[in-house]
Structures are given as C-alpha cells and as structure tokens.
Amino acid sequence: MTGSCKLSTSQIVSAILVIIIIGALTAYAYTNANDALKNSAKAGMKSTVGVMATQINASDITGFKPGDETSPAYIAVTRELRNMRSMDDHILNAYILKVNPNRNITFLVDDLSQYDPQGSAKISEVSTSPDKLEIFSALSGPTVSSEPYTTKYGSFISAYAPIDDSALGSSGNTYAVLAIDMSADDYNQYTAKGMLIILTGIVSIILAVGAIFWFGRRDEKKVE
C-alpha cells in the first residue's frame, strides 16, 4: 500500500508539471505566432494603402461638396479607387478622409457610393471611427488600426496614408488621408491560424499525461 501511494503521488506531481510546462510553452508560442500574424497583416495593409495614396492626384479631389456624389469628377475618383483596391481581394472599401482645422474628420470620397448609396458615406459626413489617432498620424505617414473596430457600416480594421498636395503646386503638405478597410472577420480568421498551436499543445498534454499514468500503472503491476 505504501509503494502504491507514493507512485500515485508521483504520477500526480509529474502530470501537474507536464501540464504547467507544456501549457506555458504553448501559450508563449501562440502569443508569438499570433503577434507575428497580426503584424504581417497590418504591414501588408500599410504597404498597400501607402502605394495607393501615391497614385491619387490631390487636384482631382478638391472642391467636392455635398451632393456631388453623382458628378463625373467624383465618379472618376471612385472608379480609380476601386481599380486599385481590386488588386487585393481582402480590401472591402477605399475612401478618402479630410482632417479639418477643427480636428473634425469628414468623408470626402467613398468608392462604394455608386454601388451602395445607403451603405456608403456621403461627402462631408463626419467619421465616427475610433481610429482618430491613427488618422491624425496618417497625415505624416501610413498607419493602421491597433485592433478591429465597429461603426454603423460594419466591423473593420483599417489602414491610412497621406495624399500629398504637391500636385496643387504647394510644398508637398498632406491634403487628405486615404483609407482602406479589411473586414474584422477576415482579419480574425487570418490571425487565428495560431490556434493550431493551442490545439497541438492540448493534444501534447493529453498524450503526455496519459503516458505518465499508463507507464505508472504498468510499473505498479510489476511491483505487485
């Protein structure tokens, strides 16, 4: 009885140690993999929006006022935006934002306006995105949402880049900000690939603990 009791205690201690060690290693690996996937997705979006912004002529987006959504000039810009974002199937929407002197952020162009008038932003509509800091920072360089967010238009993660006004004959100040959206579902699915690591860790724990008890019982029978 004494040997059996010691063996049972040994099995429990070994199982606990295995769970702790494998669990810690799994959590560490998952966190690193998840962060790497998030950084990769965000870097890709920042690169894409940065390139797209350089292709927009600021002179083509000046003077738009509410009601111009059906004007030839506005439609031409939306077509250009759609053509550029069509190179990446993950981009759902491209639009241009204006940061006003009062720090209000308003929509200037929404490339969905011709296809979804009710689900697209109108000229001068105030943005309700919580990404205000990212948008302000995009006045000087590409930025991306820290986490997915939700507005009345849906749940997204967005990237932003400055549209230079040098084409207007200035010294190259930022005139507006280009934004692109990826759905939060697509983003989460992409970054959830690290879940395989957690599944592997759980299976490893089950196998290791099972082996401890199996070999422990076998050795116990030999002692008997």
Protein backbone atom coordinates (compact mmCIF):
# COMPACT_ATOMS: atom_id res chain seq x y z
CA MET A 1 0.00 0.00 0.00
CA THR A 2 2.86 2.39 0.84
CA GLY A 3 4.53 1.89 -2.58
CA SER A 4 1.19 2.35 -4.34
CA CYS A 5 0.53 5.62 -2.52
CA LYS A 6 3.96 7.01 -3.37
CA LEU A 7 3.54 6.03 -7.01
CA SER A 8 0.14 7.72 -7.24
CA THR A 9 1.56 10.91 -5.73
CA SER A 10 4.46 10.77 -8.16
CA GLN A 11 2.09 10.41 -11.08
CA ILE A 12 0.02 13.42 -9.98
CA VAL A 13 3.09 15.61 -9.45
CA SER A 14 4.51 14.58 -12.84
CA ALA A 15 1.20 15.26 -14.57
CA ILE A 16 0.94 18.72 -12.98
CA LEU A 17 4.50 19.57 -14.04
CA VAL A 18 3.79 18.40 -17.58
CA ILE A 19 0.63 20.50 -17.78
CA ILE A 20 2.42 23.58 -16.46
CA ILE A 21 5.47 23.23 -18.72
CA ILE A 22 3.62 22.35 -21.94
CA GLY A 23 0.90 24.89 -21.18
CA ALA A 24 3.46 27.68 -20.65
CA LEU A 25 5.38 26.75 -23.81
CA THR A 26 2.15 26.58 -25.81
CA ALA A 27 0.96 29.97 -24.55
CA TYR A 28 4.36 31.50 -25.37
CA ALA A 29 4.40 30.01 -28.87
CA TYR A 30 0.79 31.04 -29.53
CA THR A 31 1.35 34.61 -28.38
CA ASN A 32 4.43 34.98 -30.58
CA ALA A 33 2.74 33.38 -33.60
CA ASN A 34 -0.41 35.47 -33.14
CA ASP A 35 1.58 38.68 -32.84
CA ALA A 36 3.58 37.76 -35.95
CA LEU A 37 0.39 37.13 -37.95
CA LYS A 38 -1.16 40.40 -36.79
CA ASN A 39 1.99 42.34 -37.63
CA SER A 40 2.15 40.68 -41.03
CA ALA A 41 -1.47 41.56 -41.86
CA LYS A 42 -1.04 45.13 -40.68
CA ALA A 43 2.25 45.61 -42.52
CA GLY A 44 0.62 44.39 -45.72
CA MET A 45 -2.26 46.85 -45.34
CA LYS A 46 0.08 49.75 -44.59
CA SER A 47 2.17 48.95 -47.65
CA THR A 48 -0.90 48.72 -49.87
CA VAL A 49 -2.50 51.95 -48.72
CA GLY A 50 0.83 53.76 -48.94
CA VAL A 51 1.26 52.80 -52.58
CA MET A 52 -2.36 53.58 -53.43
CA ALA A 53 -2.11 57.06 -51.90
CA THR A 54 0.79 57.99 -54.17
CA GLN A 55 -1.42 57.31 -57.21
CA ILE A 56 -4.08 59.85 -56.22
CA ASN A 57 -3.79 63.35 -57.62
CA ALA A 58 -4.92 65.83 -54.99
CA SER A 59 -6.22 68.18 -57.68
CA ASP A 60 -8.80 65.52 -58.60
CA ILE A 61 -10.42 65.56 -55.17
CA THR A 62 -10.62 69.28 -54.43
CA GLY A 63 -13.86 71.18 -54.46
CA PHE A 64 -16.18 68.24 -53.73
CA LYS A 65 -19.26 69.35 -51.82
CA PRO A 66 -22.37 67.51 -50.54
CA GLY A 67 -24.47 66.36 -53.48
CA ASP A 68 -21.51 65.85 -55.84
CA GLU A 69 -21.63 62.05 -55.42
CA THR A 70 -23.13 61.71 -58.91
CA SER A 71 -20.80 64.17 -60.63
CA PRO A 72 -18.44 62.84 -63.34
CA ALA A 73 -15.37 64.04 -61.40
CA TYR A 74 -16.44 62.23 -58.22
CA ILE A 75 -17.35 59.04 -60.08
CA ALA A 76 -13.96 59.08 -61.82
CA VAL A 77 -12.18 59.11 -58.45
CA THR A 78 -14.32 56.27 -57.07
CA ARG A 79 -13.52 54.18 -60.14
CA GLU A 80 -9.82 54.82 -59.66
CA LEU A 81 -10.05 53.72 -56.03
CA ARG A 82 -11.97 50.56 -56.91
CA ASN A 83 -9.50 49.67 -59.64
CA MET A 84 -6.58 49.99 -57.25
CA ARG A 85 -8.15 48.02 -54.40
CA SER A 86 -9.31 45.27 -56.77
CA MET A 87 -5.69 44.06 -56.74
CA ASP A 88 -6.30 42.76 -53.19
CA ASP A 89 -9.47 40.72 -52.59
CA HIS A 90 -9.28 41.37 -48.83
CA ILE A 91 -9.88 45.12 -49.24
CA LEU A 92 -13.59 45.82 -48.97
CA ASN A 93 -13.62 49.57 -49.33
CA ALA A 94 -11.39 52.53 -50.14
CA TYR A 95 -12.28 56.08 -49.19
CA ILE A 96 -10.75 59.48 -48.66
CA LEU A 97 -10.96 61.45 -45.43
CA LYS A 98 -10.42 65.14 -44.79
CA VAL A 99 -8.94 66.28 -41.47
CA ASN A 100 -10.37 69.74 -40.90
CA PRO A 101 -8.78 72.61 -38.94
CA ASN A 102 -11.15 71.94 -36.04
CA ARG A 103 -9.79 68.35 -35.92
CA ASN A 104 -13.08 67.01 -37.24
CA ILE A 105 -12.66 64.12 -39.67
CA THR A 106 -15.09 64.04 -42.59
CA PHE A 107 -15.55 61.86 -45.65
CA LEU A 108 -14.51 63.30 -48.99
CA VAL A 109 -14.88 60.24 -51.27
CA ASP A 110 -16.33 56.75 -50.73
CA ASP A 111 -15.75 54.30 -53.55
CA LEU A 112 -18.96 52.37 -52.73
CA SER A 113 -21.23 55.36 -53.35
CA GLN A 114 -22.39 54.22 -56.81
CA TYR A 115 -22.94 50.60 -55.78
CA ASP A 116 -24.33 51.03 -52.29
CA PRO A 117 -25.70 54.56 -51.82
CA GLN A 118 -27.35 53.70 -48.49
CA GLY A 119 -24.34 51.87 -47.12
CA SER A 120 -21.70 54.39 -48.12
CA ALA A 121 -20.59 57.68 -46.59
CA LYS A 122 -21.68 60.99 -48.09
CA ILE A 123 -19.42 63.96 -48.77
CA SER A 124 -18.77 65.92 -45.53
CA GLU A 125 -20.26 63.16 -43.34
CA VAL A 126 -18.42 63.10 -40.02
CA SER A 127 -16.42 59.94 -39.43
CA THR A 128 -17.30 58.01 -36.27
CA SER A 129 -14.31 55.71 -36.50
CA PRO A 130 -12.47 55.30 -33.18
CA ASP A 131 -9.20 55.41 -35.16
CA LYS A 132 -8.84 59.17 -34.73
CA LEU A 133 -5.24 58.99 -33.50
CA GLU A 134 -4.28 56.72 -36.39
CA ILE A 135 -5.95 59.07 -38.88
CA PHE A 136 -4.22 62.13 -37.41
CA SER A 137 -0.89 60.27 -37.53
CA ALA A 138 -1.56 59.34 -41.16
CA LEU A 139 -1.13 62.99 -42.08
CA SER A 140 2.60 62.27 -42.00
CA GLY A 141 2.81 58.59 -42.91
CA PRO A 142 0.94 55.26 -43.27
CA THR A 143 -0.76 53.91 -40.16
CA VAL A 144 -3.10 51.04 -39.28
CA SER A 145 -5.75 50.31 -36.66
CA SER A 146 -4.41 48.83 -33.45
CA GLU A 147 -7.43 46.49 -33.25
CA PRO A 148 -10.63 45.86 -35.24
CA TYR A 149 -13.42 48.34 -34.56
CA THR A 150 -17.14 48.67 -35.29
CA THR A 151 -19.18 51.54 -36.79
CA LYS A 152 -22.63 51.68 -38.38
CA TYR A 153 -21.04 50.41 -41.59
CA GLY A 154 -19.67 47.21 -40.02
CA SER A 155 -16.59 45.86 -38.26
CA PHE A 156 -13.20 46.50 -39.82
CA ILE A 157 -9.51 47.02 -39.42
CA SER A 158 -8.23 49.93 -41.49
CA ALA A 159 -5.03 51.38 -42.87
CA TYR A 160 -4.40 55.03 -43.69
CA ALA A 161 -1.91 57.04 -45.74
CA PRO A 162 -1.40 60.72 -46.62
CA ILE A 163 -2.43 62.12 -50.00
CA ASP A 164 0.15 64.75 -50.86
CA ASP A 165 -0.99 68.08 -52.29
CA SER A 166 2.19 68.73 -54.24
CA ALA A 167 0.19 68.38 -57.45
CA LEU A 168 -1.60 71.57 -56.44
CA GLY A 169 1.68 73.48 -56.55
CA SER A 170 2.37 73.54 -52.81
CA SER A 171 5.42 72.37 -50.93
CA GLY A 172 4.02 68.87 -50.51
CA ASN A 173 1.76 69.10 -47.48
CA THR A 174 -0.90 66.48 -46.84
CA TYR A 175 -4.24 67.40 -48.37
CA ALA A 176 -6.29 64.35 -47.32
CA VAL A 177 -5.97 60.80 -46.00
CA LEU A 178 -6.67 57.64 -47.97
CA ALA A 179 -8.22 54.75 -46.01
CA ILE A 180 -8.80 51.10 -46.86
CA ASP A 181 -10.85 48.57 -44.90
CA MET A 182 -10.46 44.85 -44.27
CA SER A 183 -13.36 43.10 -42.58
CA ALA A 184 -12.79 42.19 -38.94
CA ASP A 185 -13.85 38.61 -39.77
CA ASP A 186 -11.15 38.25 -42.43
CA TYR A 187 -8.56 39.73 -40.10
CA ASN A 188 -9.54 37.47 -37.22
CA GLN A 189 -9.57 34.38 -39.45
CA TYR A 190 -6.10 35.23 -40.74
CA THR A 191 -4.63 35.79 -37.30
CA ALA A 192 -6.48 32.76 -35.83
CA LYS A 193 -4.14 30.43 -37.70
CA GLY A 194 -2.14 30.36 -34.49
CA MET A 195 -4.98 28.32 -32.94
CA LEU A 196 -3.29 25.24 -34.38
CA ILE A 197 -0.54 25.77 -31.82
CA ILE A 198 -3.06 25.67 -28.96
CA LEU A 199 -4.64 22.51 -30.36
CA THR A 200 -1.21 20.90 -30.64
CA GLY A 201 -0.43 21.90 -27.06
CA ILE A 202 -3.68 20.40 -25.75
CA VAL A 203 -3.06 17.15 -27.61
CA SER A 204 0.51 17.04 -26.28
CA ILE A 205 -0.71 17.49 -22.71
CA ILE A 206 -3.28 14.72 -23.11
CA LEU A 207 -0.72 12.33 -24.59
CA ALA A 208 1.95 13.17 -22.02
CA VAL A 209 -0.37 12.85 -19.01
CA GLY A 210 -1.83 9.65 -20.45
CA ALA A 211 1.67 8.22 -20.86
CA ILE A 212 2.57 9.10 -17.27
CA PHE A 213 -0.41 7.24 -15.85
CA TRP A 214 -0.10 4.33 -18.27
CA PHE A 215 3.57 3.69 -17.51
CA GLY A 216 2.93 4.30 -13.81
CA ARG A 217 0.25 1.62 -13.69
CA ARG A 218 2.42 -0.77 -15.67
CA ASP A 219 5.30 -0.30 -13.24
CA GLU A 220 2.89 -0.67 -10.32
CA LYS A 221 1.76 -4.07 -11.65
CA LYS A 222 5.35 -5.19 -11.92
CA VAL A 223 5.95 -4.30 -8.29
CA GLU A 224 2.88 -6.26 -7.25
